[in-house]
């Protein structure tokens, strides 16, 4: 009878050992938080627990996509061109598993997971692409700026707006010729008095988990010009002020057979069409008065 009881106790202990799940630490780290486009990054999964049979790498925030796995026998990947996986079971007290992602694209930005199969313990890390600023897209009013020149009317206020894609998001800084202080933000408001040069500097800082950083930067300059209208389309008109009679069209005023009745004040008015960048066309006028004494 004593022998039967001993056997039953041994049986219970064996069953308990089989169904117990291992608990421990799973830590996922990466060599880069921001990965250069078309570059590569390596994720390291540190597993501190006993009895690990298989570790899986997955990605996604809601629906997890299988990428690779490592068992006590070998490692496999879903796409050998995109991913490579390896392991190091030599350190005492923990195991290391590595997932390398090559040709990193914008679509690869996601949550990555290291998961111990049949255990539920996992570690996660968000990895995204690093993208320095490119050429900005700029506009004045309703017009997109397609050249380095902006036409403006003296005394008017213009607003230049620029945007640029990068990751992390960039900062914007504006400077103008003759102005010591700079302005930040995507908008620059300019009260136009004279022609000037505006320079936009866009930069972002891409941090890496190693503690190092890289700065991406791009500059664009615009020549803000006081528009003189279209000189070849300038219209000049002469009129007698006493009765507002139009007497001549053109730069010169010629009066044939002049006599005393034609003495008086005459006004010369020059007008042309000014088309500021991003604004409505405006007719500009300038006048001068002369007196003719006969």
Protein backbone atom coordinates (compact mmCIF):
# COMPACT_ATOMS: atom_id res chain seq x y z
CA UNK A 1 0.00 0.00 0.00
CA UNK A 2 2.85 2.39 0.86
CA UNK A 3 4.36 1.60 -2.50
CA UNK A 4 1.12 2.55 -4.33
CA UNK A 5 0.94 5.91 -2.52
CA UNK A 6 4.52 6.75 -3.48
CA UNK A 7 3.80 6.05 -7.13
CA UNK A 8 0.72 8.31 -7.09
CA UNK A 9 2.70 11.18 -5.58
CA UNK A 10 5.39 10.91 -8.22
CA UNK A 11 2.72 10.94 -10.93
CA UNK A 12 1.13 14.14 -9.65
CA UNK A 13 4.48 15.91 -9.54
CA UNK A 14 5.29 14.96 -13.12
CA UNK A 15 1.94 16.21 -14.47
CA UNK A 16 2.32 19.52 -12.61
CA UNK A 17 5.74 20.14 -14.13
CA UNK A 18 4.47 19.63 -17.69
CA UNK A 19 1.54 22.07 -17.53
CA UNK A 20 3.39 24.90 -15.77
CA UNK A 21 4.32 27.77 -18.14
CA UNK A 22 7.70 29.51 -17.84
CA UNK A 23 7.67 33.11 -16.74
CA UNK A 24 10.43 35.64 -17.25
CA UNK A 25 11.54 38.75 -19.11
CA UNK A 26 11.29 39.38 -22.86
CA UNK A 27 12.98 42.61 -23.97
CA UNK A 28 13.01 43.84 -27.58
CA UNK A 29 15.47 46.58 -28.56
CA UNK A 30 16.72 48.00 -31.86
CA UNK A 31 19.90 49.64 -33.02
CA UNK A 32 17.86 52.47 -34.58
CA UNK A 33 14.52 54.09 -33.73
CA UNK A 34 14.58 55.85 -37.10
CA UNK A 35 15.88 53.85 -40.03
CA UNK A 36 17.17 55.54 -43.21
CA UNK A 37 14.99 54.77 -46.20
CA UNK A 38 16.34 51.74 -48.08
CA UNK A 39 18.71 51.06 -45.16
CA UNK A 40 18.62 48.24 -42.65
CA UNK A 41 18.13 47.79 -38.92
CA UNK A 42 18.52 44.92 -36.46
CA UNK A 43 16.17 44.11 -33.60
CA UNK A 44 17.50 42.18 -30.60
CA UNK A 45 15.19 40.05 -28.49
CA UNK A 46 16.56 39.16 -25.05
CA UNK A 47 14.69 36.26 -23.42
CA UNK A 48 15.40 35.63 -19.73
CA UNK A 49 13.54 32.41 -18.91
CA UNK A 50 14.02 28.66 -18.89
CA UNK A 51 12.35 26.13 -21.13
CA UNK A 52 12.01 28.33 -24.23
CA UNK A 53 11.22 26.14 -27.23
CA UNK A 54 10.50 28.73 -29.93
CA UNK A 55 10.57 32.52 -30.36
CA UNK A 56 8.60 34.34 -33.09
CA UNK A 57 9.06 37.78 -34.60
CA UNK A 58 5.88 39.53 -35.75
CA UNK A 59 4.78 43.02 -36.76
CA UNK A 60 1.53 45.00 -36.59
CA UNK A 61 -0.56 46.88 -34.06
CA UNK A 62 -3.90 45.07 -34.36
CA UNK A 63 -3.42 42.18 -36.76
CA UNK A 64 -0.01 40.60 -36.22
CA UNK A 65 1.92 39.42 -39.27
CA UNK A 66 4.39 36.56 -38.88
CA UNK A 67 7.95 37.42 -39.95
CA UNK A 68 10.26 34.74 -38.58
CA UNK A 69 10.84 32.16 -35.88
CA UNK A 70 13.71 30.46 -34.09
CA UNK A 71 13.39 27.11 -32.35
CA UNK A 72 15.96 25.01 -30.51
CA UNK A 73 16.73 23.39 -33.86
CA UNK A 74 16.75 26.14 -36.52
CA UNK A 75 15.47 29.56 -37.66
CA UNK A 76 13.04 30.38 -40.48
CA UNK A 77 11.81 33.59 -42.15
CA UNK A 78 8.74 34.44 -44.22
CA UNK A 79 10.75 36.47 -46.76
CA UNK A 80 14.46 35.70 -47.03
CA UNK A 81 15.06 38.79 -49.19
CA UNK A 82 13.54 41.14 -46.64
CA UNK A 83 14.39 39.48 -43.31
CA UNK A 84 17.19 37.47 -41.76
CA UNK A 85 17.13 35.91 -38.30
CA UNK A 86 19.70 34.33 -36.01
CA UNK A 87 20.16 33.36 -32.37
CA UNK A 88 22.78 33.24 -29.66
CA UNK A 89 22.15 30.85 -26.79
CA UNK A 90 25.65 31.11 -25.35
CA UNK A 91 25.09 33.86 -22.72
CA UNK A 92 24.37 32.39 -19.31
CA UNK A 93 20.86 33.01 -17.97
CA UNK A 94 19.29 34.35 -21.17
CA UNK A 95 19.01 33.85 -24.94
CA UNK A 96 19.44 36.42 -27.72
CA UNK A 97 17.50 36.40 -30.98
CA UNK A 98 18.15 38.83 -33.86
CA UNK A 99 15.90 40.02 -36.68
CA UNK A 100 17.49 42.15 -39.43
CA UNK A 101 15.21 44.12 -41.75
CA UNK A 102 16.73 45.12 -45.10
CA UNK A 103 15.66 47.70 -47.70
CA UNK A 104 13.55 49.55 -45.11
CA UNK A 105 10.59 51.34 -46.72
CA UNK A 106 7.86 53.66 -45.42
CA UNK A 107 5.48 50.69 -45.33
CA UNK A 108 7.85 48.92 -42.92
CA UNK A 109 7.17 51.49 -40.19
CA UNK A 110 5.24 49.51 -37.58
CA UNK A 111 5.21 47.85 -34.17
CA UNK A 112 7.53 44.85 -34.04
CA UNK A 113 7.09 42.04 -31.53
CA UNK A 114 9.22 39.25 -30.10
CA UNK A 115 6.98 36.52 -28.71
CA UNK A 116 7.72 33.31 -26.85
CA UNK A 117 5.46 30.68 -28.41
CA UNK A 118 2.96 28.91 -26.12
CA UNK A 119 3.85 31.32 -23.35
CA UNK A 120 2.38 34.73 -24.09
CA UNK A 121 5.41 36.68 -22.90
CA UNK A 122 6.45 39.27 -25.49
CA UNK A 123 8.33 42.48 -26.05
CA UNK A 124 7.45 45.25 -28.54
CA UNK A 125 9.23 48.11 -30.27
CA UNK A 126 8.00 50.72 -32.75
CA UNK A 127 10.36 51.26 -35.67
CA UNK A 128 9.88 53.89 -38.35
CA UNK A 129 11.79 55.31 -41.29
CA UNK A 130 14.01 58.36 -41.16
CA UNK A 131 13.48 60.83 -43.97
CA UNK A 132 15.36 64.14 -44.22
CA UNK A 133 13.50 67.15 -45.63
CA UNK A 134 13.12 67.32 -49.40
CA UNK A 135 12.31 70.29 -51.60
CA UNK A 136 9.40 72.26 -50.09
CA UNK A 137 6.11 73.06 -51.76
CA UNK A 138 5.39 76.79 -51.40
CA UNK A 139 2.57 79.14 -52.27
CA UNK A 140 1.55 82.79 -52.07
CA UNK A 141 -2.19 83.25 -51.84
CA UNK A 142 -3.78 80.88 -54.31
CA UNK A 143 -0.67 80.52 -56.48
CA UNK A 144 1.94 77.80 -56.19
CA UNK A 145 5.46 79.20 -56.41
CA UNK A 146 7.13 77.62 -59.43
CA UNK A 147 10.22 79.84 -59.64
CA UNK A 148 12.56 81.69 -57.32
CA UNK A 149 10.77 85.03 -57.94
CA UNK A 150 7.68 86.46 -56.27
CA UNK A 151 6.03 89.61 -57.64
CA UNK A 152 4.40 91.92 -55.12
CA UNK A 153 2.90 95.41 -55.05
CA UNK A 154 4.67 97.98 -52.92
CA UNK A 155 2.88 98.59 -49.62
CA UNK A 156 0.92 95.33 -49.78
CA UNK A 157 1.30 92.39 -47.38
CA UNK A 158 1.97 88.91 -48.76
CA UNK A 159 1.95 85.57 -46.92
CA UNK A 160 4.31 82.82 -48.07
CA UNK A 161 3.36 79.29 -46.98
CA UNK A 162 5.62 76.24 -47.34
CA UNK A 163 5.34 72.58 -46.42
CA UNK A 164 7.77 69.70 -46.60
CA UNK A 165 7.57 65.95 -45.93
CA UNK A 166 10.11 64.41 -43.56
CA UNK A 167 10.27 62.03 -40.62
CA UNK A 168 10.54 63.22 -37.88
CA UNK A 169 8.53 66.32 -38.74
CA UNK A 170 10.71 69.32 -39.69
CA UNK A 171 11.06 72.81 -38.26
CA UNK A 172 10.90 75.97 -40.40
CA UNK A 173 12.98 79.13 -40.07
CA UNK A 174 12.76 82.26 -42.26
CA UNK A 175 15.26 85.08 -42.75
CA UNK A 176 15.20 88.22 -44.92
CA UNK A 177 17.89 90.47 -46.31
CA UNK A 178 18.36 93.44 -44.00
CA UNK A 179 16.37 91.89 -41.13
CA UNK A 180 18.45 90.64 -38.19
CA UNK A 181 15.82 88.47 -36.49
CA UNK A 182 14.41 85.26 -37.96
CA UNK A 183 10.85 83.94 -37.99
CA UNK A 184 9.74 80.36 -37.34
CA UNK A 185 6.76 78.41 -38.65
CA UNK A 186 5.39 77.44 -42.02
CA UNK A 187 4.02 80.94 -42.76
CA UNK A 188 5.92 84.15 -43.35
CA UNK A 189 4.10 87.49 -43.53
CA UNK A 190 5.96 90.20 -45.44
CA UNK A 191 5.03 93.89 -45.77
CA UNK A 192 6.57 94.75 -49.12
CA UNK A 193 8.35 98.09 -49.39
CA UNK A 194 11.36 97.23 -51.50
CA UNK A 195 12.68 94.17 -53.27
CA UNK A 196 14.24 91.68 -50.85
CA UNK A 197 15.47 88.09 -50.63
CA UNK A 198 13.70 85.60 -48.36
CA UNK A 199 15.46 82.39 -47.30
CA UNK A 200 13.67 79.39 -45.83
CA UNK A 201 15.66 76.80 -43.86
CA UNK A 202 13.99 73.45 -43.12
CA UNK A 203 15.62 70.85 -40.90
CA UNK A 204 14.85 67.83 -38.79
CA UNK A 205 16.84 65.77 -36.30
CA UNK A 206 16.82 61.99 -36.64
CA UNK A 207 17.76 60.31 -33.31
CA UNK A 208 19.16 56.82 -32.98
CA UNK A 209 18.98 54.52 -29.97
CA UNK A 210 22.76 54.64 -29.72
CA UNK A 211 22.41 58.28 -28.65
CA UNK A 212 23.74 59.75 -31.88
CA UNK A 213 21.69 62.02 -34.15
CA UNK A 214 21.69 63.08 -37.77
CA UNK A 215 20.43 66.42 -39.04
CA UNK A 216 18.61 66.75 -42.35
CA UNK A 217 18.44 70.23 -43.86
CA UNK A 218 17.34 71.99 -47.04
CA UNK A 219 17.28 75.69 -47.96
CA UNK A 220 15.18 77.61 -50.48
CA UNK A 221 15.47 81.29 -51.42
CA UNK A 222 12.92 83.59 -53.03
CA UNK A 223 13.44 87.02 -54.58
CA UNK A 224 10.47 89.21 -53.60
CA UNK A 225 10.29 91.88 -56.31
CA UNK A 226 8.22 95.03 -56.36
CA UNK A 227 6.30 94.60 -59.59
CA UNK A 228 6.63 97.41 -62.14
CA UNK A 229 3.75 96.15 -64.19
CA UNK A 230 4.21 95.62 -67.91
CA UNK A 231 6.12 98.63 -69.34
CA UNK A 232 5.44 97.52 -72.91
CA UNK A 233 1.73 97.73 -72.13
CA UNK A 234 1.84 101.09 -70.35
CA UNK A 235 -0.87 103.52 -71.53
CA UNK A 236 -0.24 107.28 -71.33
CA UNK A 237 -3.08 109.77 -71.66
CA UNK A 238 -3.15 113.60 -71.66
CA UNK A 239 -6.21 115.59 -70.67
CA UNK A 240 -7.06 119.27 -70.17
CA UNK A 241 -8.10 119.75 -66.55
CA UNK A 242 -10.40 122.74 -67.15
CA UNK A 243 -12.96 120.63 -69.01
CA UNK A 244 -11.46 117.10 -68.55
CA UNK A 245 -11.08 116.80 -72.32
CA UNK A 246 -8.75 114.10 -73.60
CA UNK A 247 -6.26 115.82 -75.87
CA UNK A 248 -3.60 113.23 -76.64
CA UNK A 249 -2.54 109.57 -76.24
CA UNK A 250 1.17 108.79 -75.93
CA UNK A 251 4.30 110.06 -74.23
CA UNK A 252 4.31 113.43 -75.99
CA UNK A 253 1.68 116.17 -75.94
CA UNK A 254 1.47 117.96 -79.24
CA UNK A 255 -0.87 120.93 -79.81
CA UNK A 256 -1.14 122.26 -83.36
CA UNK A 257 -1.91 125.94 -84.04
CA UNK A 258 -1.86 126.69 -80.30
CA UNK A 259 -3.44 129.96 -79.11
CA UNK A 260 -4.28 131.67 -75.82
CA UNK A 261 -7.51 129.69 -75.37
CA UNK A 262 -5.45 126.55 -74.94
CA UNK A 263 -3.50 127.93 -72.00
CA UNK A 264 -4.04 126.03 -68.74
CA UNK A 265 -3.25 122.91 -66.75
CA UNK A 266 -2.81 119.55 -68.44
CA UNK A 267 -2.55 116.20 -66.70
CA UNK A 268 -0.45 113.25 -67.90
CA UNK A 269 -1.59 109.87 -66.55
CA UNK A 270 0.40 106.66 -67.03
CA UNK A 271 -1.30 103.33 -66.23
CA UNK A 272 -0.41 99.68 -66.57
CA UNK A 273 -1.48 96.25 -65.34
CA UNK A 274 0.27 94.79 -62.29
CA UNK A 275 -0.06 91.05 -61.63
CA UNK A 276 1.24 90.12 -58.16
CA UNK A 277 2.01 86.47 -57.45
CA UNK A 278 -1.04 84.82 -55.94
CA UNK A 279 -3.21 87.95 -56.16
CA UNK A 280 -5.65 89.66 -58.49
CA UNK A 281 -4.35 91.83 -61.31
CA UNK A 282 -4.49 95.55 -60.47
CA UNK A 283 -4.28 98.61 -62.70
CA UNK A 284 -1.68 101.03 -61.37
CA UNK A 285 -1.85 104.77 -62.13
CA UNK A 286 0.55 107.65 -61.78
CA UNK A 287 -0.14 111.27 -62.79
CA UNK A 288 1.66 114.57 -63.17
CA UNK A 289 0.35 118.05 -64.02
CA UNK A 290 1.97 120.69 -66.18
CA UNK A 291 0.87 124.27 -66.97
CA UNK A 292 1.03 125.62 -70.51
CA UNK A 293 1.21 129.41 -70.75
CA UNK A 294 0.54 130.84 -74.22
